[in-house]
Amino acid sequence: MDIRLLVIRTANPKTLADFYHLLGLTFEYHKHGNSPYHYSASIDKTILEIYPFSKKQTEADSSLRLGFGVDNFDTVINKLKAEQVVFSSEPMQTEFGFMAIIVDPDGRKIELYKS
Protein backbone atom coordinates (compact mmCIF):
# COMPACT_ATOMS: atom_id res chain seq x y z
CA MET A 1 0.00 0.00 0.00
CA ASP A 2 1.11 3.57 -0.62
CA ILE A 3 -0.39 7.01 -0.28
CA ARG A 4 -1.46 8.47 -3.63
CA LEU A 5 -3.28 11.67 -2.62
CA LEU A 6 -3.18 14.20 0.23
CA VAL A 7 -5.51 17.20 0.13
CA ILE A 8 -5.21 20.12 2.52
CA ARG A 9 -7.62 23.03 2.58
CA THR A 10 -6.87 26.62 3.42
CA ALA A 11 -8.29 30.12 3.22
CA ASN A 12 -5.16 31.17 1.29
CA PRO A 13 -4.10 28.51 -1.25
CA LYS A 14 -1.43 30.69 -2.94
CA THR A 15 0.21 31.54 0.40
CA LEU A 16 0.27 27.88 1.39
CA ALA A 17 1.63 26.76 -1.99
CA ASP A 18 4.39 29.38 -1.72
CA PHE A 19 5.23 28.07 1.76
CA TYR A 20 5.50 24.44 0.62
CA HIS A 21 7.52 25.58 -2.39
CA LEU A 22 10.22 26.60 0.12
CA LEU A 23 10.58 22.88 0.88
CA GLY A 24 11.27 22.14 -2.78
CA LEU A 25 7.79 21.29 -4.07
CA THR A 26 6.76 22.56 -7.49
CA PHE A 27 3.06 23.25 -7.90
CA GLU A 28 0.76 23.47 -10.89
CA TYR A 29 -2.36 25.64 -10.65
CA HIS A 30 -5.32 23.93 -12.31
CA LYS A 31 -8.78 22.44 -11.90
CA HIS A 32 -10.54 19.18 -12.73
CA GLY A 33 -14.07 19.33 -14.09
CA ASN A 34 -16.28 21.23 -11.62
CA SER A 35 -13.66 21.41 -8.84
CA PRO A 36 -12.26 24.78 -7.80
CA TYR A 37 -8.83 25.90 -8.98
CA HIS A 38 -6.17 24.44 -6.71
CA TYR A 39 -2.43 23.75 -6.45
CA SER A 40 -0.99 20.30 -7.11
CA ALA A 41 2.53 18.88 -6.62
CA SER A 42 3.93 15.38 -7.14
CA ILE A 43 6.10 13.65 -4.54
CA ASP A 44 7.03 10.33 -6.13
CA LYS A 45 3.66 8.57 -6.47
CA THR A 46 1.89 10.90 -4.05
CA ILE A 47 0.02 14.03 -5.13
CA LEU A 48 -0.24 16.87 -2.61
CA GLU A 49 -3.10 19.22 -3.41
CA ILE A 50 -3.93 22.53 -1.80
CA TYR A 51 -7.59 23.49 -2.15
CA PRO A 52 -9.54 26.50 -0.94
CA PHE A 53 -11.91 25.90 1.94
CA SER A 54 -15.13 24.05 1.21
CA LYS A 55 -18.28 26.20 1.40
CA LYS A 56 -18.98 25.20 5.02
CA GLN A 57 -15.37 25.37 6.23
CA THR A 58 -14.21 28.42 8.19
CA GLU A 59 -10.81 27.34 9.52
CA ALA A 60 -7.96 25.04 8.59
CA ASP A 61 -7.43 21.69 10.29
CA SER A 62 -4.28 22.56 12.21
CA SER A 63 -4.22 19.11 13.85
CA LEU A 64 -3.10 17.51 10.58
CA ARG A 65 0.62 16.72 10.75
CA LEU A 66 2.79 16.00 7.70
CA GLY A 67 6.34 14.69 7.45
CA PHE A 68 8.73 15.05 4.51
CA GLY A 69 12.16 13.64 3.77
CA VAL A 70 14.11 16.65 2.50
CA ASP A 71 17.01 16.66 0.05
CA ASN A 72 19.59 19.38 0.80
CA PHE A 73 18.29 19.50 4.38
CA ASP A 74 20.77 22.09 5.67
CA THR A 75 20.15 24.41 2.71
CA VAL A 76 16.37 24.15 3.14
CA ILE A 77 16.61 24.79 6.90
CA ASN A 78 18.73 27.91 6.28
CA LYS A 79 16.25 29.14 3.66
CA LEU A 80 13.33 28.61 6.05
CA LYS A 81 15.13 30.54 8.79
CA ALA A 82 15.90 33.38 6.36
CA GLU A 83 12.18 33.49 5.49
CA GLN A 84 11.40 33.63 9.24
CA VAL A 85 9.41 30.40 9.20
CA VAL A 86 8.34 29.37 12.70
CA PHE A 87 10.25 26.38 14.09
CA SER A 88 8.46 24.27 16.70
CA SER A 89 11.66 22.24 17.10
CA GLU A 90 15.15 23.10 15.90
CA PRO A 91 17.03 20.40 13.95
CA MET A 92 17.96 17.49 16.23
CA GLN A 93 18.65 13.79 16.27
CA THR A 94 15.63 11.71 17.27
CA GLU A 95 14.85 8.01 17.32
CA PHE A 96 13.20 8.56 13.91
CA GLY A 97 16.16 10.37 12.32
CA PHE A 98 17.64 13.86 12.13
CA MET A 99 14.71 16.24 11.92
CA ALA A 100 13.19 19.66 12.57
CA ILE A 101 9.57 20.68 13.02
CA ILE A 102 8.20 23.81 11.40
CA VAL A 103 4.74 25.39 11.43
CA ASP A 104 2.92 26.19 8.19
CA PRO A 105 0.85 29.40 7.76
CA ASP A 106 -2.31 27.57 8.91
CA GLY A 107 -0.68 26.24 12.10
CA ARG A 108 0.03 22.67 10.96
CA LYS A 109 3.22 21.13 12.34
CA ILE A 110 5.42 19.81 9.55
CA GLU A 111 8.22 17.34 10.28
CA LEU A 112 11.28 17.67 8.05
CA TYR A 113 13.69 14.74 7.94
CA LYS A 114 17.21 14.76 6.59
CA SER A 115 17.22 12.37 3.62
C-alpha atoms as a PDB file:
ATOM      1  CA  MET A   1       0.000   0.000   0.000  1.00  0.00           C
ATOM      2  CA  ASP A   2       1.106   3.566  -0.617  1.00  0.00           C
ATOM      3  CA  ILE A   3      -0.393   7.011  -0.275  1.00  0.00           C
ATOM      4  CA  ARG A   4      -1.463   8.473  -3.627  1.00  0.00           C
ATOM      5  CA  LEU A   5      -3.277  11.671  -2.616  1.00  0.00           C
ATOM      6  CA  LEU A   6      -3.184  14.201   0.227  1.00  0.00           C
ATOM      7  CA  VAL A   7      -5.511  17.201   0.132  1.00  0.00           C
ATOM      8  CA  ILE A   8      -5.206  20.118   2.519  1.00  0.00           C
ATOM      9  CA  ARG A   9      -7.622  23.029   2.576  1.00  0.00           C
ATOM     10  CA  THR A  10      -6.871  26.619   3.418  1.00  0.00           C
ATOM     11  CA  ALA A  11      -8.289  30.115   3.216  1.00  0.00           C
ATOM     12  CA  ASN A  12      -5.156  31.166   1.288  1.00  0.00           C
ATOM     13  CA  PRO A  13      -4.103  28.511  -1.255  1.00  0.00           C
ATOM     14  CA  LYS A  14      -1.429  30.695  -2.940  1.00  0.00           C
ATOM     15  CA  THR A  15       0.212  31.540   0.395  1.00  0.00           C
ATOM     16  CA  LEU A  16       0.271  27.881   1.394  1.00  0.00           C
ATOM     17  CA  ALA A  17       1.633  26.760  -1.994  1.00  0.00           C
ATOM     18  CA  ASP A  18       4.393  29.381  -1.720  1.00  0.00           C
ATOM     19  CA  PHE A  19       5.233  28.071   1.759  1.00  0.00           C
ATOM     20  CA  TYR A  20       5.504  24.437   0.619  1.00  0.00           C
ATOM     21  CA  HIS A  21       7.515  25.585  -2.392  1.00  0.00           C
ATOM     22  CA  LEU A  22      10.221  26.603   0.118  1.00  0.00           C
ATOM     23  CA  LEU A  23      10.575  22.882   0.876  1.00  0.00           C
ATOM     24  CA  GLY A  24      11.271  22.138  -2.778  1.00  0.00           C
ATOM     25  CA  LEU A  25       7.793  21.287  -4.073  1.00  0.00           C
ATOM     26  CA  THR A  26       6.761  22.559  -7.495  1.00  0.00           C
ATOM     27  CA  PHE A  27       3.062  23.255  -7.899  1.00  0.00           C
ATOM     28  CA  GLU A  28       0.762  23.472 -10.891  1.00  0.00           C
ATOM     29  CA  TYR A  29      -2.362  25.639 -10.647  1.00  0.00           C
ATOM     30  CA  HIS A  30      -5.319  23.931 -12.312  1.00  0.00           C
ATOM     31  CA  LYS A  31      -8.779  22.443 -11.904  1.00  0.00           C
ATOM     32  CA  HIS A  32     -10.543  19.177 -12.726  1.00  0.00           C
ATOM     33  CA  GLY A  33     -14.074  19.332 -14.092  1.00  0.00           C
ATOM     34  CA  ASN A  34     -16.277  21.234 -11.620  1.00  0.00           C
ATOM     35  CA  SER A  35     -13.661  21.406  -8.843  1.00  0.00           C
ATOM     36  CA  PRO A  36     -12.255  24.781  -7.801  1.00  0.00           C
ATOM     37  CA  TYR A  37      -8.831  25.903  -8.981  1.00  0.00           C
ATOM     38  CA  HIS A  38      -6.166  24.441  -6.714  1.00  0.00           C
ATOM     39  CA  TYR A  39      -2.428  23.745  -6.452  1.00  0.00           C
ATOM     40  CA  SER A  40      -0.989  20.299  -7.107  1.00  0.00           C
ATOM     41  CA  ALA A  41       2.529  18.878  -6.623  1.00  0.00           C
ATOM     42  CA  SER A  42       3.927  15.375  -7.139  1.00  0.00           C
ATOM     43  CA  ILE A  43       6.097  13.653  -4.539  1.00  0.00           C
ATOM     44  CA  ASP A  44       7.035  10.334  -6.126  1.00  0.00           C
ATOM     45  CA  LYS A  45       3.655   8.569  -6.475  1.00  0.00           C
ATOM     46  CA  THR A  46       1.889  10.905  -4.047  1.00  0.00           C
ATOM     47  CA  ILE A  47       0.019  14.025  -5.127  1.00  0.00           C
ATOM     48  CA  LEU A  48      -0.239  16.866  -2.605  1.00  0.00           C
ATOM     49  CA  GLU A  49      -3.101  19.216  -3.412  1.00  0.00           C
ATOM     50  CA  ILE A  50      -3.931  22.532  -1.796  1.00  0.00           C
ATOM     51  CA  TYR A  51      -7.588  23.487  -2.152  1.00  0.00           C
ATOM     52  CA  PRO A  52      -9.537  26.504  -0.935  1.00  0.00           C
ATOM     53  CA  PHE A  53     -11.913  25.905   1.945  1.00  0.00           C
ATOM     54  CA  SER A  54     -15.132  24.054   1.205  1.00  0.00           C
ATOM     55  CA  LYS A  55     -18.279  26.198   1.402  1.00  0.00           C
ATOM     56  CA  LYS A  56     -18.977  25.200   5.019  1.00  0.00           C
ATOM     57  CA  GLN A  57     -15.374  25.368   6.230  1.00  0.00           C
ATOM     58  CA  THR A  58     -14.207  28.417   8.191  1.00  0.00           C
ATOM     59  CA  GLU A  59     -10.809  27.341   9.515  1.00  0.00           C
ATOM     60  CA  ALA A  60      -7.962  25.039   8.590  1.00  0.00           C
ATOM     61  CA  ASP A  61      -7.432  21.689  10.294  1.00  0.00           C
ATOM     62  CA  SER A  62      -4.285  22.560  12.213  1.00  0.00           C
ATOM     63  CA  SER A  63      -4.224  19.109  13.852  1.00  0.00           C
ATOM     64  CA  LEU A  64      -3.095  17.509  10.579  1.00  0.00           C
ATOM     65  CA  ARG A  65       0.623  16.720  10.747  1.00  0.00           C
ATOM     66  CA  LEU A  66       2.785  15.998   7.705  1.00  0.00           C
ATOM     67  CA  GLY A  67       6.340  14.694   7.447  1.00  0.00           C
ATOM     68  CA  PHE A  68       8.731  15.055   4.506  1.00  0.00           C
ATOM     69  CA  GLY A  69      12.164  13.637   3.767  1.00  0.00           C
ATOM     70  CA  VAL A  70      14.107  16.654   2.502  1.00  0.00           C
ATOM     71  CA  ASP A  71      17.007  16.664   0.048  1.00  0.00           C
ATOM     72  CA  ASN A  72      19.591  19.380   0.802  1.00  0.00           C
ATOM     73  CA  PHE A  73      18.286  19.498   4.377  1.00  0.00           C
ATOM     74  CA  ASP A  74      20.765  22.088   5.669  1.00  0.00           C
ATOM     75  CA  THR A  75      20.149  24.413   2.714  1.00  0.00           C
ATOM     76  CA  VAL A  76      16.374  24.149   3.140  1.00  0.00           C
ATOM     77  CA  ILE A  77      16.613  24.791   6.902  1.00  0.00           C
ATOM     78  CA  ASN A  78      18.729  27.906   6.284  1.00  0.00           C
ATOM     79  CA  LYS A  79      16.252  29.141   3.657  1.00  0.00           C
ATOM     80  CA  LEU A  80      13.335  28.607   6.055  1.00  0.00           C
ATOM     81  CA  LYS A  81      15.126  30.543   8.794  1.00  0.00           C
ATOM     82  CA  ALA A  82      15.905  33.380   6.355  1.00  0.00           C
ATOM     83  CA  GLU A  83      12.177  33.494   5.493  1.00  0.00           C
ATOM     84  CA  GLN A  84      11.400  33.631   9.241  1.00  0.00           C
ATOM     85  CA  VAL A  85       9.406  30.399   9.197  1.00  0.00           C
ATOM     86  CA  VAL A  86       8.341  29.371  12.705  1.00  0.00           C
ATOM     87  CA  PHE A  87      10.245  26.379  14.090  1.00  0.00           C
ATOM     88  CA  SER A  88       8.460  24.272  16.701  1.00  0.00           C
ATOM     89  CA  SER A  89      11.657  22.242  17.097  1.00  0.00           C
ATOM     90  CA  GLU A  90      15.153  23.095  15.905  1.00  0.00           C
ATOM     91  CA  PRO A  91      17.033  20.396  13.947  1.00  0.00           C
ATOM     92  CA  MET A  92      17.957  17.495  16.234  1.00  0.00           C
ATOM     93  CA  GLN A  93      18.651  13.792  16.268  1.00  0.00           C
ATOM     94  CA  THR A  94      15.625  11.712  17.268  1.00  0.00           C
ATOM     95  CA  GLU A  95      14.852   8.013  17.319  1.00  0.00           C
ATOM     96  CA  PHE A  96      13.198   8.555  13.905  1.00  0.00           C
ATOM     97  CA  GLY A  97      16.158  10.367  12.322  1.00  0.00           C
ATOM     98  CA  PHE A  98      17.641  13.859  12.128  1.00  0.00           C
ATOM     99  CA  MET A  99      14.710  16.241  11.923  1.00  0.00           C
ATOM    100  CA  ALA A 100      13.191  19.656  12.572  1.00  0.00           C
ATOM    101  CA  ILE A 101       9.566  20.681  13.020  1.00  0.00           C
ATOM    102  CA  ILE A 102       8.197  23.814  11.399  1.00  0.00           C
ATOM    103  CA  VAL A 103       4.741  25.391  11.425  1.00  0.00           C
ATOM    104  CA  ASP A 104       2.923  26.194   8.190  1.00  0.00           C
ATOM    105  CA  PRO A 105       0.846  29.399   7.765  1.00  0.00           C
ATOM    106  CA  ASP A 106      -2.311  27.566   8.910  1.00  0.00           C
ATOM    107  CA  GLY A 107      -0.676  26.239  12.098  1.00  0.00           C
ATOM    108  CA  ARG A 108       0.031  22.670  10.962  1.00  0.00           C
ATOM    109  CA  LYS A 109       3.221  21.130  12.337  1.00  0.00           C
ATOM    110  CA  ILE A 110       5.423  19.806   9.550  1.00  0.00           C
ATOM    111  CA  GLU A 111       8.223  17.339  10.279  1.00  0.00           C
ATOM    112  CA  LEU A 112      11.279  17.670   8.049  1.00  0.00           C
ATOM    113  CA  TYR A 113      13.689  14.741   7.935  1.00  0.00           C
ATOM    114  CA  LYS A 114      17.212  14.764   6.594  1.00  0.00           C
ATOM    115  CA  SER A 115      17.224  12.368   3.621  1.00  0.00           C
END
